[in-house]
Every structure is written in structure tokens, then in C-alpha cells.
Amino acid sequence: MKNAETASALFESIRSCTICSDLPLGPRPIVQFSPTSKLLIVGQAPGRITHNKGVPFDDPSGDRLRSWLGINKDTFYDSQKIAIVPMGFCFPGTGKSGDLPPRSECAEAWRNKVLDEVKNVELTLIIGRYAIDWHLPEFGKYTVTDAVKSWADVWPKRLILPHPSPRNNRWLKQNPWFDQDIIPALQDRIQTMFKDD
């Protein structure tokens, strides 16, 4: 019970965070976690759509990610099962070639505190360069593609994924091994993790 109370208090503190009050759309931290979460999804930062909705991955990227996992929205948004903890909790704004990087202040203030609360995680999905650099710094010299190809080096505790954005359709076509090898292994792992839930 104490763990749940601590996690709940931390969640409320994060939701009211204003460290990055100078963000273009203002702070709106978006995160999901519980002490019982078995799957941890680590992305970059919420996009504009997520900021506006206040719901992580409620967009075409989320649809693809859920199809990769082989789960529905009810399971995906159940914090008792799945933690969604991006590198930055707020929309960082738009740059010349897409969204700006996650703000570093967020990880410095909150990341270790959240990770300390999700002690039952059996699998961490690491999506994108900033997530790779934090969670697997030894992969820093790899391109994201090479990091994804090296999945067996960190499996079954962790898995590096390309971003599920429709912008990566070309990458997926150029790398058919991802759908052939990684997705079936991932779906089997997810089914095993949640079979008793």
C-alpha cells in the first residue's frame, strides 16, 4: 500500500510540475505509471497532438505501437500493467525538422524518482535516440538502426524500437527483418507477461 501511495504522490507532483514554464504551449506533463507496471515504454517527448489531448500515443504512432505489442487500448492505458515514461513529459515545441528534443530538466528532476517506483518492470521498450542514450549509453555509438539490429544483446529485459510514427514507413520497408524477427518475439513476450492479468 505504501508503494502505491508514494507513486500516487509522485504522479501528482509531476502533473503539477512547471519547471519548463517557458515552453511554447506551456507545461502539461503526460506520464503513466504504477508500482505494478510490468512493461515500461520510454519514448522521446509528447508531440503536439498528445499535448492537446493529454493522452500518450493516442494517434497513428500509438496505433502502430499497439499493433506491434499485440494489445488493445484498454491494456495499453492500464497503468497497473504499462508505464509510459518519456524522456521529457511535456511537448518541447517545434523545430525546423520536427519536434525539438526533450528538455533535459525533466529527466534531471523526475526520471530516477519514477524509475525507483516501477520496480516490477519485466521489459523496457526504448524508443529513439534520447531514450537510447539514457537507458543504454553503451549504444551511443550506434545509429538507431544498428541499435535496433542489436536487439538480441539486451533481450529479453530491454528492446530498442524505431519510432512507430508513419514517418518511419520507409524505414520499415527497408528493414523487413524488424517485422519478421522482432515483432513476433515482442508479441510472444507481451502475451507471456500479461497472461495471468
Protein backbone atom coordinates (compact mmCIF):
# COMPACT_ATOMS: atom_id res chain seq x y z
CA MET A 1 0.00 0.00 0.00
CA LYS A 2 2.83 2.39 0.86
CA ASN A 3 4.36 1.97 -2.60
CA ALA A 4 1.05 2.86 -4.25
CA GLU A 5 0.71 5.95 -2.06
CA THR A 6 4.26 7.06 -2.85
CA ALA A 7 3.74 6.53 -6.57
CA SER A 8 0.45 8.40 -6.47
CA ALA A 9 2.03 11.37 -4.69
CA LEU A 10 4.90 11.39 -7.20
CA PHE A 11 2.44 11.25 -10.10
CA GLU A 12 0.56 14.26 -8.72
CA SER A 13 3.82 16.18 -8.22
CA ILE A 14 4.81 15.50 -11.83
CA ARG A 15 1.40 16.51 -13.16
CA SER A 16 1.70 19.88 -11.42
CA CYS A 17 5.35 20.44 -12.48
CA THR A 18 6.16 23.85 -14.01
CA ILE A 19 9.95 23.53 -14.33
CA CYS A 20 9.67 24.21 -18.07
CA SER A 21 7.20 27.09 -17.80
CA ASP A 22 8.76 28.75 -20.86
CA LEU A 23 7.59 26.02 -23.26
CA PRO A 24 5.69 27.35 -26.29
CA LEU A 25 2.40 25.69 -25.26
CA GLY A 26 3.19 25.74 -21.56
CA PRO A 27 3.85 22.74 -19.34
CA ARG A 28 1.45 19.79 -19.47
CA PRO A 29 3.29 16.73 -18.14
CA ILE A 30 1.99 13.49 -19.62
CA VAL A 31 3.09 10.27 -17.96
CA GLN A 32 1.60 6.95 -16.84
CA PHE A 33 3.00 4.54 -14.25
CA SER A 34 2.23 2.38 -11.25
CA PRO A 35 4.31 0.24 -8.87
CA THR A 36 2.74 -2.82 -10.55
CA SER A 37 3.61 -1.85 -14.15
CA LYS A 38 5.32 -4.76 -15.93
CA LEU A 39 6.05 -3.01 -19.22
CA LEU A 40 7.90 0.31 -19.37
CA ILE A 41 7.65 2.32 -22.60
CA VAL A 42 10.31 5.00 -22.91
CA GLY A 43 9.81 7.47 -25.75
CA GLN A 44 11.12 10.93 -26.52
CA ALA A 45 8.51 13.55 -25.54
CA PRO A 46 4.83 14.16 -26.24
CA GLY A 47 4.03 15.66 -29.63
CA ARG A 48 1.56 18.48 -30.23
CA ILE A 49 -1.39 16.07 -30.66
CA THR A 50 -0.57 14.33 -27.39
CA HIS A 51 -0.19 17.68 -25.65
CA ASN A 52 -3.61 18.78 -26.88
CA LYS A 53 -5.33 15.50 -25.93
CA GLY A 54 -3.43 14.86 -22.73
CA VAL A 55 -3.20 11.16 -23.64
CA PRO A 56 0.08 9.47 -24.66
CA PHE A 57 0.21 7.72 -28.04
CA ASP A 58 -3.43 8.45 -28.88
CA ASP A 59 -2.53 8.92 -32.54
CA PRO A 60 -1.33 6.88 -35.57
CA SER A 61 2.02 6.26 -33.83
CA GLY A 62 0.17 4.74 -30.89
CA ASP A 63 -1.97 2.61 -33.18
CA ARG A 64 1.17 1.14 -34.73
CA LEU A 65 2.87 0.66 -31.36
CA ARG A 66 -0.18 -1.21 -30.02
CA SER A 67 -0.20 -3.40 -33.14
CA TRP A 68 3.48 -4.18 -32.57
CA LEU A 69 2.66 -5.16 -28.99
CA GLY A 70 -0.48 -7.07 -29.97
CA ILE A 71 -2.63 -5.32 -27.35
CA ASN A 72 -5.71 -3.11 -27.30
CA LYS A 73 -6.18 0.38 -25.87
CA ASP A 74 -7.67 -0.88 -22.61
CA THR A 75 -4.48 -2.79 -21.82
CA PHE A 76 -2.23 -0.05 -23.16
CA TYR A 77 -3.74 2.63 -20.93
CA ASP A 78 -3.86 0.45 -17.81
CA SER A 79 -1.11 1.91 -15.64
CA GLN A 80 -1.26 -1.18 -13.43
CA LYS A 81 0.24 -3.04 -16.42
CA ILE A 82 2.04 -0.47 -18.54
CA ALA A 83 4.15 2.56 -17.63
CA ILE A 84 4.66 5.25 -20.28
CA VAL A 85 7.55 7.44 -19.19
CA PRO A 86 9.03 9.57 -22.00
CA MET A 87 12.37 11.34 -21.67
CA GLY A 88 10.51 14.64 -21.49
CA PHE A 89 6.98 14.79 -20.08
CA CYS A 90 5.90 17.94 -21.96
CA PHE A 91 5.71 18.95 -25.63
CA PRO A 92 9.07 20.69 -26.24
CA GLY A 93 7.97 22.75 -29.24
CA THR A 94 8.63 22.50 -32.96
CA GLY A 95 11.98 22.98 -34.69
CA LYS A 96 12.98 23.19 -38.35
CA SER A 97 12.72 19.44 -38.98
CA GLY A 98 10.16 18.23 -36.45
CA ASP A 99 9.68 18.46 -32.71
CA LEU A 100 12.52 19.79 -30.58
CA PRO A 101 14.44 17.38 -28.33
CA PRO A 102 13.05 16.54 -24.88
CA ARG A 103 14.02 19.13 -22.30
CA SER A 104 16.87 17.84 -20.14
CA GLU A 105 15.45 19.47 -16.98
CA CYS A 106 12.65 16.91 -16.96
CA ALA A 107 14.88 13.84 -16.77
CA GLU A 108 17.11 15.54 -14.21
CA ALA A 109 14.16 16.33 -11.95
CA TRP A 110 11.97 13.25 -12.29
CA ARG A 111 13.41 10.29 -14.16
CA ASN A 112 15.20 8.42 -11.37
CA LYS A 113 12.30 9.05 -8.98
CA VAL A 114 9.85 7.45 -11.39
CA LEU A 115 12.14 4.53 -12.20
CA ASP A 116 12.51 3.88 -8.46
CA GLU A 117 8.72 3.45 -8.27
CA VAL A 118 8.37 0.94 -11.11
CA LYS A 119 10.26 -1.94 -9.59
CA ASN A 120 8.16 -4.72 -11.20
CA VAL A 121 9.09 -3.86 -14.78
CA GLU A 122 9.95 -7.01 -16.75
CA LEU A 123 10.53 -5.36 -20.14
CA THR A 124 11.58 -1.84 -21.12
CA LEU A 125 10.90 -0.61 -24.66
CA ILE A 126 13.39 2.08 -25.63
CA ILE A 127 12.28 4.32 -28.48
CA GLY A 128 14.54 6.95 -30.05
CA ARG A 129 17.99 8.43 -29.68
CA TYR A 130 17.48 10.29 -26.39
CA ALA A 131 15.94 7.25 -24.73
CA ILE A 132 18.80 5.07 -26.00
CA ASP A 133 21.42 7.49 -24.69
CA TRP A 134 19.85 7.49 -21.20
CA HIS A 135 18.95 3.82 -20.81
CA LEU A 136 21.68 2.20 -22.90
CA PRO A 137 24.60 4.64 -23.06
CA GLU A 138 26.84 1.85 -24.36
CA PHE A 139 24.77 2.01 -27.57
CA GLY A 140 25.55 5.70 -28.04
CA LYS A 141 28.00 4.98 -30.86
CA TYR A 142 25.33 3.07 -32.81
CA THR A 143 22.85 4.53 -35.24
CA VAL A 144 19.26 3.85 -34.18
CA THR A 145 19.05 1.22 -36.94
CA ASP A 146 22.18 -0.54 -35.70
CA ALA A 147 20.88 -0.37 -32.13
CA VAL A 148 17.58 -1.97 -33.18
CA LYS A 149 19.51 -4.65 -35.10
CA SER A 150 21.43 -5.46 -31.90
CA TRP A 151 18.24 -6.32 -30.08
CA ALA A 152 19.44 -9.76 -29.00
CA ASP A 153 22.18 -8.09 -26.92
CA VAL A 154 19.64 -6.64 -24.47
CA TRP A 155 16.70 -9.03 -24.89
CA PRO A 156 14.57 -10.15 -23.02
CA LYS A 157 14.82 -7.34 -20.40
CA ARG A 158 15.01 -4.46 -22.87
CA LEU A 159 14.24 -3.82 -26.52
CA ILE A 160 15.15 -0.89 -28.75
CA LEU A 161 12.45 0.09 -31.24
CA PRO A 162 12.29 2.55 -34.11
CA HIS A 163 9.71 5.26 -33.59
CA PRO A 164 6.28 3.92 -34.62
CA SER A 165 5.48 7.16 -36.45
CA PRO A 166 4.11 6.96 -40.01
CA ARG A 167 7.23 8.96 -40.91
CA ASN A 168 9.12 5.69 -40.48
CA ASN A 169 7.13 3.78 -43.13
CA ARG A 170 10.12 3.92 -45.45
CA TRP A 171 12.45 2.60 -42.74
CA LEU A 172 10.11 -0.33 -42.09
CA LYS A 173 10.02 -1.20 -45.79
CA GLN A 174 13.81 -1.05 -45.98
CA ASN A 175 14.23 -3.23 -42.90
CA PRO A 176 11.80 -6.17 -43.26
CA TRP A 177 13.74 -8.15 -40.63
CA PHE A 178 12.13 -5.92 -38.00
CA ASP A 179 8.61 -7.22 -38.71
CA GLN A 180 9.84 -10.75 -39.40
CA ASP A 181 12.10 -11.26 -36.38
CA ILE A 182 11.47 -8.70 -33.67
CA ILE A 183 7.70 -8.20 -33.70
CA PRO A 184 6.81 -11.91 -33.21
CA ALA A 185 9.30 -12.16 -30.32
CA LEU A 186 7.90 -8.98 -28.77
CA GLN A 187 4.29 -10.14 -29.05
CA ASP A 188 5.12 -13.52 -27.53
CA ARG A 189 6.86 -11.79 -24.63
CA ILE A 190 3.92 -9.44 -24.04
CA GLN A 191 1.42 -12.35 -24.08
CA THR A 192 3.53 -14.22 -21.54
CA MET A 193 3.86 -11.16 -19.29
CA PHE A 194 0.13 -10.45 -19.20
CA LYS A 195 -1.29 -14.00 -19.45
CA ASP A 196 -2.45 -14.03 -15.82
CA ASP A 197 -3.78 -10.46 -15.74
